[in-house]
PDB file of N, CA and C in Angstrom:
ATOM      1  N   UNK A   1       0.788  -1.216   0.018  1.00  0.00           N
ATOM      2  CA  UNK A   1       0.004  -0.052  -0.119  1.00  0.00           C
ATOM      3  C   UNK A   1       0.869   1.424   0.032  1.00  0.00           C
ATOM      4  N   UNK A   2       2.005   1.173   0.693  1.00  0.00           N
ATOM      5  CA  UNK A   2       2.893   2.316   0.772  1.00  0.00           C
ATOM      6  C   UNK A   2       3.535   2.649  -0.599  1.00  0.00           C
ATOM      7  N   UNK A   3       3.861   1.656  -1.340  1.00  0.00           N
ATOM      8  CA  UNK A   3       4.376   1.718  -2.587  1.00  0.00           C
ATOM      9  C   UNK A   3       3.498   2.464  -3.551  1.00  0.00           C
ATOM     10  N   UNK A   4       2.111   2.161  -3.461  1.00  0.00           N
ATOM     11  CA  UNK A   4       1.099   2.659  -4.306  1.00  0.00           C
ATOM     12  C   UNK A   4       1.084   4.188  -4.081  1.00  0.00           C
ATOM     13  N   UNK A   5       1.113   4.575  -2.719  1.00  0.00           N
ATOM     14  CA  UNK A   5       0.927   5.890  -2.419  1.00  0.00           C
ATOM     15  C   UNK A   5       1.921   6.715  -2.935  1.00  0.00           C
ATOM     16  N   UNK A   6       3.287   5.952  -2.535  1.00  0.00           N
ATOM     17  CA  UNK A   6       4.392   6.848  -3.179  1.00  0.00           C
ATOM     18  C   UNK A   6       4.422   7.089  -4.662  1.00  0.00           C
ATOM     19  N   UNK A   7       3.936   5.924  -5.508  1.00  0.00           N
ATOM     20  CA  UNK A   7       3.972   6.068  -6.971  1.00  0.00           C
ATOM     21  C   UNK A   7       2.865   6.996  -7.264  1.00  0.00           C
ATOM     22  N   UNK A   8       1.974   7.251  -6.545  1.00  0.00           N
ATOM     23  CA  UNK A   8       0.941   8.284  -6.897  1.00  0.00           C
ATOM     24  C   UNK A   8       1.470   9.697  -6.550  1.00  0.00           C
ATOM     25  N   UNK A   9       2.290   9.784  -5.461  1.00  0.00           N
ATOM     26  CA  UNK A   9       2.975  11.196  -5.310  1.00  0.00           C
ATOM     27  C   UNK A   9       3.886  11.518  -6.249  1.00  0.00           C
ATOM     28  N   UNK A  10       4.576  10.579  -6.732  1.00  0.00           N
ATOM     29  CA  UNK A  10       5.572  10.790  -7.887  1.00  0.00           C
ATOM     30  C   UNK A  10       4.920  11.103  -9.116  1.00  0.00           C
ATOM     31  N   UNK A  11       3.722  10.339  -9.425  1.00  0.00           N
ATOM     32  CA  UNK A  11       3.006  10.513 -10.555  1.00  0.00           C
ATOM     33  C   UNK A  11       2.500  12.090 -10.561  1.00  0.00           C
ATOM     34  N   UNK A  12       2.095  12.568  -9.479  1.00  0.00           N
ATOM     35  CA  UNK A  12       1.667  13.972  -9.192  1.00  0.00           C
ATOM     36  C   UNK A  12       2.733  15.068  -9.751  1.00  0.00           C
ATOM     37  N   UNK A  13       4.078  14.649  -8.989  1.00  0.00           N
ATOM     38  CA  UNK A  13       5.180  15.435  -9.256  1.00  0.00           C
ATOM     39  C   UNK A  13       5.631  15.385 -10.839  1.00  0.00           C
ATOM     40  N   UNK A  14       5.465  14.260 -11.416  1.00  0.00           N
ATOM     41  CA  UNK A  14       5.834  14.110 -12.789  1.00  0.00           C
ATOM     42  C   UNK A  14       4.793  14.795 -13.577  1.00  0.00           C
ATOM     43  N   UNK A  15       3.529  14.955 -13.361  1.00  0.00           N
ATOM     44  CA  UNK A  15       2.508  15.705 -13.960  1.00  0.00           C
ATOM     45  C   UNK A  15       2.931  17.210 -13.879  1.00  0.00           C
ATOM     46  N   UNK A  16       3.434  17.649 -12.701  1.00  0.00           N
ATOM     47  CA  UNK A  16       3.563  18.961 -12.528  1.00  0.00           C
ATOM     48  C   UNK A  16       4.862  19.496 -13.437  1.00  0.00           C
ATOM     49  N   UNK A  17       5.784  18.530 -13.564  1.00  0.00           N
ATOM     50  CA  UNK A  17       6.973  18.758 -14.370  1.00  0.00           C
ATOM     51  C   UNK A  17       6.544  18.920 -15.912  1.00  0.00           C
ATOM     52  N   UNK A  18       5.644  18.090 -16.228  1.00  0.00           N
ATOM     53  CA  UNK A  18       5.167  17.871 -17.707  1.00  0.00           C
ATOM     54  C   UNK A  18       4.340  19.228 -17.872  1.00  0.00           C
ATOM     55  N   UNK A  19       3.669  19.726 -16.983  1.00  0.00           N
ATOM     56  CA  UNK A  19       2.877  21.044 -17.179  1.00  0.00           C
ATOM     57  C   UNK A  19       3.811  22.226 -17.448  1.00  0.00           C
ATOM     58  N   UNK A  20       4.856  22.036 -16.465  1.00  0.00           N
ATOM     59  CA  UNK A  20       5.871  23.205 -16.618  1.00  0.00           C
ATOM     60  C   UNK A  20       6.514  23.309 -18.058  1.00  0.00           C
ATOM     61  N   UNK A  21       6.988  22.092 -18.458  1.00  0.00           N
ATOM     62  CA  UNK A  21       7.541  21.980 -19.914  1.00  0.00           C
ATOM     63  C   UNK A  21       6.655  22.517 -20.959  1.00  0.00           C
ATOM     64  N   UNK A  22       5.289  22.188 -20.882  1.00  0.00           N
ATOM     65  CA  UNK A  22       4.380  22.638 -21.896  1.00  0.00           C
ATOM     66  C   UNK A  22       4.249  24.089 -21.781  1.00  0.00           C
ATOM     67  N   UNK A  23       4.274  24.743 -20.485  1.00  0.00           N
ATOM     68  CA  UNK A  23       4.051  26.074 -20.131  1.00  0.00           C
ATOM     69  C   UNK A  23       5.397  26.702 -20.955  1.00  0.00           C
ATOM     70  N   UNK A  24       6.411  26.299 -20.640  1.00  0.00           N
ATOM     71  CA  UNK A  24       7.696  26.771 -21.331  1.00  0.00           C
ATOM     72  C   UNK A  24       7.673  26.704 -22.859  1.00  0.00           C
ATOM     73  N   UNK A  25       7.159  25.731 -23.306  1.00  0.00           N
ATOM     74  CA  UNK A  25       7.030  25.538 -24.883  1.00  0.00           C
ATOM     75  C   UNK A  25       6.149  26.551 -25.268  1.00  0.00           C
ATOM     76  N   UNK A  26       4.882  26.707 -24.857  1.00  0.00           N
ATOM     77  CA  UNK A  26       3.883  27.511 -25.305  1.00  0.00           C
ATOM     78  C   UNK A  26       4.327  29.142 -25.124  1.00  0.00           C
ATOM     79  N   UNK A  27       4.882  29.231 -24.119  1.00  0.00           N
ATOM     80  CA  UNK A  27       5.627  30.723 -23.780  1.00  0.00           C
ATOM     81  C   UNK A  27       6.753  31.072 -24.893  1.00  0.00           C
ATOM     82  N   UNK A  28       7.519  29.853 -25.247  1.00  0.00           N
ATOM     83  CA  UNK A  28       8.592  30.222 -26.141  1.00  0.00           C
ATOM     84  C   UNK A  28       7.845  30.329 -27.481  1.00  0.00           C
ATOM     85  N   UNK A  29       6.776  29.790 -27.848  1.00  0.00           N
ATOM     86  CA  UNK A  29       6.038  29.977 -29.291  1.00  0.00           C
ATOM     87  C   UNK A  29       5.466  31.253 -29.207  1.00  0.00           C
ATOM     88  N   UNK A  30       4.996  31.845 -28.091  1.00  0.00           N
ATOM     89  CA  UNK A  30       4.295  33.138 -28.200  1.00  0.00           C
ATOM     90  C   UNK A  30       5.300  34.163 -28.133  1.00  0.00           C
ATOM     91  N   UNK A  31       6.567  34.111 -27.576  1.00  0.00           N
ATOM     92  CA  UNK A  31       7.688  34.908 -27.837  1.00  0.00           C
ATOM     93  C   UNK A  31       8.231  34.959 -29.218  1.00  0.00           C
ATOM     94  N   UNK A  32       8.343  33.821 -29.762  1.00  0.00           N
ATOM     95  CA  UNK A  32       8.973  33.645 -31.084  1.00  0.00           C
ATOM     96  C   UNK A  32       7.978  34.376 -32.171  1.00  0.00           C
ATOM     97  N   UNK A  33       6.802  34.248 -32.024  1.00  0.00           N
ATOM     98  CA  UNK A  33       5.975  34.811 -32.882  1.00  0.00           C
ATOM     99  C   UNK A  33       5.403  36.210 -32.514  1.00  0.00           C
ATOM    100  N   UNK A  34       6.019  36.820 -31.587  1.00  0.00           N
ATOM    101  CA  UNK A  34       5.952  38.196 -31.307  1.00  0.00           C
ATOM    102  C   UNK A  34       4.351  38.545 -30.644  1.00  0.00           C
ATOM    103  N   UNK A  35       3.797  37.640 -30.248  1.00  0.00           N
ATOM    104  CA  UNK A  35       2.500  37.720 -29.405  1.00  0.00           C
ATOM    105  C   UNK A  35       2.626  38.293 -28.149  1.00  0.00           C
ATOM    106  N   UNK A  36       3.584  37.827 -27.419  1.00  0.00           N
ATOM    107  CA  UNK A  36       3.928  38.544 -26.207  1.00  0.00           C
ATOM    108  C   UNK A  36       5.467  38.865 -26.249  1.00  0.00           C
ATOM    109  N   UNK A  37       5.929  39.896 -25.399  1.00  0.00           N
ATOM    110  CA  UNK A  37       7.295  40.430 -25.484  1.00  0.00           C
ATOM    111  C   UNK A  37       7.775  39.975 -24.036  1.00  0.00           C
ATOM    112  N   UNK A  38       9.323  39.620 -24.123  1.00  0.00           N
ATOM    113  CA  UNK A  38      10.000  39.479 -23.025  1.00  0.00           C
ATOM    114  C   UNK A  38      10.234  40.501 -22.138  1.00  0.00           C
ATOM    115  N   UNK A  39       9.966  41.818 -22.771  1.00  0.00           N
ATOM    116  CA  UNK A  39      10.146  43.112 -21.963  1.00  0.00           C
ATOM    117  C   UNK A  39       9.147  43.206 -20.910  1.00  0.00           C
ATOM    118  N   UNK A  40       7.861  42.483 -21.124  1.00  0.00           N
ATOM    119  CA  UNK A  40       6.725  42.418 -20.358  1.00  0.00           C
ATOM    120  C   UNK A  40       7.111  41.820 -18.884  1.00  0.00           C
ATOM    121  N   UNK A  41       7.010  42.450 -17.840  1.00  0.00           N
ATOM    122  CA  UNK A  41       7.278  41.939 -16.471  1.00  0.00           C
ATOM    123  C   UNK A  41       6.747  40.587 -16.205  1.00  0.00           C
ATOM    124  N   UNK A  42       5.580  40.314 -16.434  1.00  0.00           N
ATOM    125  CA  UNK A  42       4.912  39.039 -16.098  1.00  0.00           C
ATOM    126  C   UNK A  42       5.513  37.948 -16.984  1.00  0.00           C
ATOM    127  N   UNK A  43       5.691  38.284 -18.263  1.00  0.00           N
ATOM    128  CA  UNK A  43       6.205  37.202 -19.182  1.00  0.00           C
ATOM    129  C   UNK A  43       7.724  37.025 -18.830  1.00  0.00           C
ATOM    130  N   UNK A  44       8.454  37.852 -18.432  1.00  0.00           N
ATOM    131  CA  UNK A  44       9.815  37.600 -18.027  1.00  0.00           C
ATOM    132  C   UNK A  44       9.854  36.949 -16.665  1.00  0.00           C
ATOM    133  N   UNK A  45       9.015  37.163 -15.831  1.00  0.00           N
ATOM    134  CA  UNK A  45       8.956  36.575 -14.457  1.00  0.00           C
ATOM    135  C   UNK A  45       8.595  35.115 -14.672  1.00  0.00           C
ATOM    136  N   UNK A  46       7.549  34.775 -15.565  1.00  0.00           N
ATOM    137  CA  UNK A  46       7.096  33.457 -15.766  1.00  0.00           C
ATOM    138  C   UNK A  46       8.327  32.737 -16.402  1.00  0.00           C
ATOM    139  N   UNK A  47       8.811  33.180 -17.508  1.00  0.00           N
ATOM    140  CA  UNK A  47       9.825  32.613 -18.249  1.00  0.00           C
ATOM    141  C   UNK A  47      11.164  32.321 -17.027  1.00  0.00           C
ATOM    142  N   UNK A  48      11.491  33.156 -16.477  1.00  0.00           N
ATOM    143  CA  UNK A  48      12.723  32.960 -15.578  1.00  0.00           C
ATOM    144  C   UNK A  48      12.186  31.764 -14.435  1.00  0.00           C
ATOM    145  N   UNK A  49      10.914  31.971 -14.031  1.00  0.00           N
ATOM    146  CA  UNK A  49      10.711  30.796 -13.015  1.00  0.00           C
ATOM    147  C   UNK A  49      10.704  29.517 -13.541  1.00  0.00           C
ATOM    148  N   UNK A  50      10.015  29.295 -14.657  1.00  0.00           N
ATOM    149  CA  UNK A  50       9.945  28.106 -15.353  1.00  0.00           C
ATOM    150  C   UNK A  50      11.330  27.542 -15.811  1.00  0.00           C
ATOM    151  N   UNK A  51      12.277  28.480 -16.416  1.00  0.00           N
ATOM    152  CA  UNK A  51      13.592  28.050 -16.636  1.00  0.00           C
ATOM    153  C   UNK A  51      14.458  27.638 -15.507  1.00  0.00           C
ATOM    154  N   UNK A  52      14.128  28.431 -14.342  1.00  0.00           N
ATOM    155  CA  UNK A  52      14.963  27.977 -13.184  1.00  0.00           C
ATOM    156  C   UNK A  52      14.642  26.719 -12.687  1.00  0.00           C
ATOM    157  N   UNK A  53      13.337  26.331 -12.926  1.00  0.00           N
ATOM    158  CA  UNK A  53      12.949  25.026 -12.383  1.00  0.00           C
ATOM    159  C   UNK A  53      13.212  23.900 -13.364  1.00  0.00           C
ATOM    160  N   UNK A  54      13.334  24.178 -14.627  1.00  0.00           N
ATOM    161  CA  UNK A  54      13.515  23.134 -15.624  1.00  0.00           C
ATOM    162  C   UNK A  54      14.859  22.949 -16.242  1.00  0.00           C
ATOM    163  N   UNK A  55      15.650  23.916 -16.204  1.00  0.00           N
ATOM    164  CA  UNK A  55      17.032  23.918 -16.544  1.00  0.00           C
ATOM    165  C   UNK A  55      17.885  22.833 -15.964  1.00  0.00           C
ATOM    166  N   UNK A  56      17.891  22.752 -14.561  1.00  0.00           N
ATOM    167  CA  UNK A  56      18.661  21.636 -14.064  1.00  0.00           C
ATOM    168  C   UNK A  56      18.262  20.174 -14.459  1.00  0.00           C
ATOM    169  N   UNK A  57      17.016  20.013 -14.823  1.00  0.00           N
ATOM    170  CA  UNK A  57      16.457  18.639 -15.370  1.00  0.00           C
ATOM    171  C   UNK A  57      16.953  18.561 -16.940  1.00  0.00           C
ATOM    172  N   UNK A  58      16.801  19.863 -17.641  1.00  0.00           N
ATOM    173  CA  UNK A  58      16.954  19.583 -19.054  1.00  0.00           C
ATOM    174  C   UNK A  58      18.427  19.770 -19.650  1.00  0.00           C
ATOM    175  N   UNK A  59      19.267  20.246 -18.565  1.00  0.00           N
ATOM    176  CA  UNK A  59      20.650  20.524 -19.065  1.00  0.00           C
ATOM    177  C   UNK A  59      21.455  19.163 -19.374  1.00  0.00           C
ATOM    178  N   UNK A  60      21.119  18.149 -18.450  1.00  0.00           N
ATOM    179  CA  UNK A  60      21.890  16.807 -18.747  1.00  0.00           C
ATOM    180  C   UNK A  60      21.365  16.151 -19.953  1.00  0.00           C
ATOM    181  N   UNK A  61      20.176  16.419 -20.240  1.00  0.00           N
ATOM    182  CA  UNK A  61      19.780  15.771 -21.490  1.00  0.00           C
ATOM    183  C   UNK A  61      20.197  16.512 -22.709  1.00  0.00           C
ATOM    184  N   UNK A  62      20.156  17.779 -22.564  1.00  0.00           N
ATOM    185  CA  UNK A  62      20.870  18.480 -23.728  1.00  0.00           C
ATOM    186  C   UNK A  62      22.224  18.081 -24.112  1.00  0.00           C
ATOM    187  N   UNK A  63      23.112  17.789 -22.825  1.00  0.00           N
ATOM    188  CA  UNK A  63      24.554  17.439 -23.186  1.00  0.00           C
ATOM    189  C   UNK A  63      24.513  15.918 -23.871  1.00  0.00           C
ATOM    190  N   UNK A  64      23.399  15.216 -23.529  1.00  0.00           N
ATOM    191  CA  UNK A  64      23.528  13.983 -24.236  1.00  0.00           C
ATOM    192  C   UNK A  64      23.123  13.752 -25.655  1.00  0.00           C
ATOM    193  N   UNK A  65      21.938  14.662 -25.840  1.00  0.00           N
ATOM    194  CA  UNK A  65      21.598  14.431 -27.309  1.00  0.00           C
ATOM    195  C   UNK A  65      22.433  15.547 -28.233  1.00  0.00           C
ATOM    196  N   UNK A  66      22.455  14.898 -29.324  1.00  0.00           N
ATOM    197  CA  UNK A  66      23.248  15.720 -30.496  1.00  0.00           C
ATOM    198  C   UNK A  66      22.679  16.949 -30.841  1.00  0.00           C
ATOM    199  N   UNK A  67      23.454  17.919 -31.278  1.00  0.00           N
ATOM    200  CA  UNK A  67      22.960  19.154 -31.683  1.00  0.00           C
ATOM    201  C   UNK A  67      22.158  19.146 -32.964  1.00  0.00           C
ATOM    202  N   UNK A  68      20.900  19.412 -32.849  1.00  0.00           N
ATOM    203  CA  UNK A  68      19.856  19.659 -33.978  1.00  0.00           C
ATOM    204  C   UNK A  68      19.677  20.934 -34.576  1.00  0.00           C
ATOM    205  N   UNK A  69      20.408  21.631 -34.246  1.00  0.00           N
ATOM    206  CA  UNK A  69      20.213  23.138 -34.650  1.00  0.00           C
ATOM    207  C   UNK A  69      19.248  23.819 -33.878  1.00  0.00           C
ATOM    208  N   UNK A  70      18.164  24.500 -34.683  1.00  0.00           N
ATOM    209  CA  UNK A  70      17.112  25.307 -33.978  1.00  0.00           C
ATOM    210  C   UNK A  70      16.215  24.521 -33.029  1.00  0.00           C
ATOM    211  N   UNK A  71      15.925  23.186 -33.146  1.00  0.00           N
ATOM    212  CA  UNK A  71      15.096  22.660 -32.669  1.00  0.00           C
ATOM    213  C   UNK A  71      15.671  21.894 -31.410  1.00  0.00           C
ATOM    214  N   UNK A  72      14.934  22.045 -30.222  1.00  0.00           N
ATOM    215  CA  UNK A  72      15.521  21.412 -29.010  1.00  0.00           C
ATOM    216  C   UNK A  72      14.713  20.400 -28.654  1.00  0.00           C
ATOM    217  N   UNK A  73      15.159  19.011 -28.804  1.00  0.00           N
ATOM    218  CA  UNK A  73      14.153  17.874 -28.423  1.00  0.00           C
ATOM    219  C   UNK A  73      14.291  17.462 -26.912  1.00  0.00           C
ATOM    220  N   UNK A  74      15.062  18.093 -26.085  1.00  0.00           N
ATOM    221  CA  UNK A  74      15.111  17.707 -24.681  1.00  0.00           C
ATOM    222  C   UNK A  74      13.935  17.705 -23.940  1.00  0.00           C
ATOM    223  N   UNK A  75      12.912  18.891 -24.175  1.00  0.00           N
ATOM    224  CA  UNK A  75      11.650  18.638 -23.411  1.00  0.00           C
ATOM    225  C   UNK A  75      11.004  17.329 -23.803  1.00  0.00           C
ATOM    226  N   UNK A  76      10.913  17.131 -25.106  1.00  0.00           N
ATOM    227  CA  UNK A  76      10.254  15.759 -25.590  1.00  0.00           C
ATOM    228  C   UNK A  76      10.827  14.530 -24.884  1.00  0.00           C
ATOM    229  N   UNK A  77      12.131  14.660 -24.900  1.00  0.00           N
ATOM    230  CA  UNK A  77      12.926  13.321 -24.221  1.00  0.00           C
ATOM    231  C   UNK A  77      12.533  13.375 -22.708  1.00  0.00           C
ATOM    232  N   UNK A  78      12.530  14.472 -21.922  1.00  0.00           N
ATOM    233  CA  UNK A  78      12.192  14.528 -20.665  1.00  0.00           C
ATOM    234  C   UNK A  78      10.638  13.998 -20.415  1.00  0.00           C
ATOM    235  N   UNK A  79       9.674  14.468 -21.338  1.00  0.00           N
ATOM    236  CA  UNK A  79       8.424  13.923 -20.987  1.00  0.00           C
ATOM    237  C   UNK A  79       8.187  12.552 -21.254  1.00  0.00           C
ATOM    238  N   UNK A  80       8.929  11.908 -22.204  1.00  0.00           N
ATOM    239  CA  UNK A  80       8.870  10.445 -22.589  1.00  0.00           C
ATOM    240  C   UNK A  80       9.533   9.837 -21.376  1.00  0.00           C
ATOM    241  N   UNK A  81      10.461  10.211 -20.919  1.00  0.00           N
ATOM    242  CA  UNK A  81      11.441   9.478 -19.734  1.00  0.00           C
ATOM    243  C   UNK A  81      10.487   9.454 -18.534  1.00  0.00           C
ATOM    244  N   UNK A  82       9.875  10.815 -18.055  1.00  0.00           N
ATOM    245  CA  UNK A  82       9.018  10.799 -16.953  1.00  0.00           C
ATOM    246  C   UNK A  82       7.866   9.901 -17.061  1.00  0.00           C
ATOM    247  N   UNK A  83       7.239   9.859 -18.396  1.00  0.00           N
ATOM    248  CA  UNK A  83       6.111   8.965 -18.483  1.00  0.00           C
ATOM    249  C   UNK A  83       6.442   7.399 -18.462  1.00  0.00           C
ATOM    250  N   UNK A  84       7.643   7.095 -18.700  1.00  0.00           N
ATOM    251  CA  UNK A  84       8.201   5.692 -18.519  1.00  0.00           C
ATOM    252  C   UNK A  84       8.454   5.438 -17.157  1.00  0.00           C
ATOM    253  N   UNK A  85       8.861   6.432 -16.581  1.00  0.00           N
ATOM    254  CA  UNK A  85       9.148   6.033 -14.897  1.00  0.00           C
ATOM    255  C   UNK A  85       7.719   6.039 -14.177  1.00  0.00           C
ATOM    256  N   UNK A  86       6.902   6.852 -14.796  1.00  0.00           N
ATOM    257  CA  UNK A  86       5.508   6.866 -14.047  1.00  0.00           C
ATOM    258  C   UNK A  86       4.847   5.373 -14.265  1.00  0.00           C
ATOM    259  N   UNK A  87       4.912   4.832 -15.267  1.00  0.00           N
ATOM    260  CA  UNK A  87       4.378   3.534 -15.843  1.00  0.00           C
ATOM    261  C   UNK A  87       4.974   2.460 -14.988  1.00  0.00           C
ATOM    262  N   UNK A  88       6.351   2.433 -14.853  1.00  0.00           N
ATOM    263  CA  UNK A  88       7.014   1.457 -14.105  1.00  0.00           C
ATOM    264  C   UNK A  88       6.807   1.486 -12.759  1.00  0.00           C
ATOM    265  N   UNK A  89       6.577   2.822 -12.274  1.00  0.00           N
ATOM    266  CA  UNK A  89       6.370   2.719 -10.651  1.00  0.00           C
ATOM    267  C   UNK A  89       4.936   2.401 -10.473  1.00  0.00           C
ATOM    268  N   UNK A  90       3.939   2.616 -11.420  1.00  0.00           N
ATOM    269  CA  UNK A  90       2.510   2.217 -11.001  1.00  0.00           C
ATOM    270  C   UNK A  90       2.439   0.751 -11.251  1.00  0.00           C
ATOM    271  N   UNK A  91       3.073   0.116 -12.248  1.00  0.00           N
ATOM    272  CA  UNK A  91       3.007  -1.435 -12.326  1.00  0.00           C
ATOM    273  C   UNK A  91       3.784  -1.970 -11.332  1.00  0.00           C
ATOM    274  N   UNK A  92       4.903  -1.276 -10.776  1.00  0.00           N
ATOM    275  CA  UNK A  92       5.451  -2.167  -9.508  1.00  0.00           C
ATOM    276  C   UNK A  92       4.488  -2.068  -8.320  1.00  0.00           C
ATOM    277  N   UNK A  93       3.854  -0.985  -8.155  1.00  0.00           N
ATOM    278  CA  UNK A  93       2.911  -0.820  -6.916  1.00  0.00           C
ATOM    279  C   UNK A  93       1.636  -1.724  -7.186  1.00  0.00           C
ATOM    280  N   UNK A  94       1.134  -1.835  -8.341  1.00  0.00           N
ATOM    281  CA  UNK A  94       0.105  -2.635  -8.716  1.00  0.00           C
ATOM    282  C   UNK A  94       0.433  -4.156  -8.606  1.00  0.00           C
ATOM    283  N   UNK A  95       1.626  -4.407  -8.805  1.00  0.00           N
ATOM    284  CA  UNK A  95       1.995  -5.874  -8.677  1.00  0.00           C
ATOM    285  C   UNK A  95       2.229  -6.304  -7.284  1.00  0.00           C
ATOM    286  N   UNK A  96       2.723  -5.162  -6.422  1.00  0.00           N
ATOM    287  CA  UNK A  96       3.005  -5.647  -5.241  1.00  0.00           C
ATOM    288  C   UNK A  96       1.709  -5.781  -4.359  1.00  0.00           C
ATOM    289  N   UNK A  97       0.629  -4.928  -4.846  1.00  0.00           N
ATOM    290  CA  UNK A  97      -0.605  -5.091  -4.116  1.00  0.00           C
ATOM    291  C   UNK A  97      -1.398  -6.402  -4.566  1.00  0.00           C
ATOM    292  N   UNK A  98      -1.128  -6.948  -5.764  1.00  0.00           N
ATOM    293  CA  UNK A  98      -1.807  -8.230  -6.301  1.00  0.00           C
ATOM    294  C   UNK A  98      -1.031  -9.125  -5.452  1.00  0.00           C
ATOM    295  N   UNK A  99       0.340  -9.223  -5.108  1.00  0.00           N
ATOM    296  CA  UNK A  99       1.119 -10.299  -4.631  1.00  0.00           C
ATOM    297  C   UNK A  99       0.572 -10.256  -2.990  1.00  0.00           C
ATOM    298  N   UNK A 100       0.123  -9.285  -2.623  1.00  0.00           N
ATOM    299  CA  UNK A 100      -0.011  -9.263  -0.994  1.00  0.00           C
ATOM    300  C   UNK A 100      -1.407  -9.971  -0.807  1.00  0.00           C
TER     301      UNK A 100
END
């Protein structure tokens, strides 16, 4: 039962990280297409906050991935890896419950 609870907590944390990756992606698109400006204080504050949270996670992935030019695939890799971790943890928790 404890493993199920821990896997659910980790699942929630993973979902929060994925939401932050999506926010960063959407904000970068809005800045790229001049919908919002980085000179706006709330845009800069959101960008700085999200980058401060995600850069320690994304920088090791960026070092491993080959340079692809203008496209950064590290957020996609992060989302895939986090989903795999979530699936493995949930299956471990459910298999422990079935064995008990």
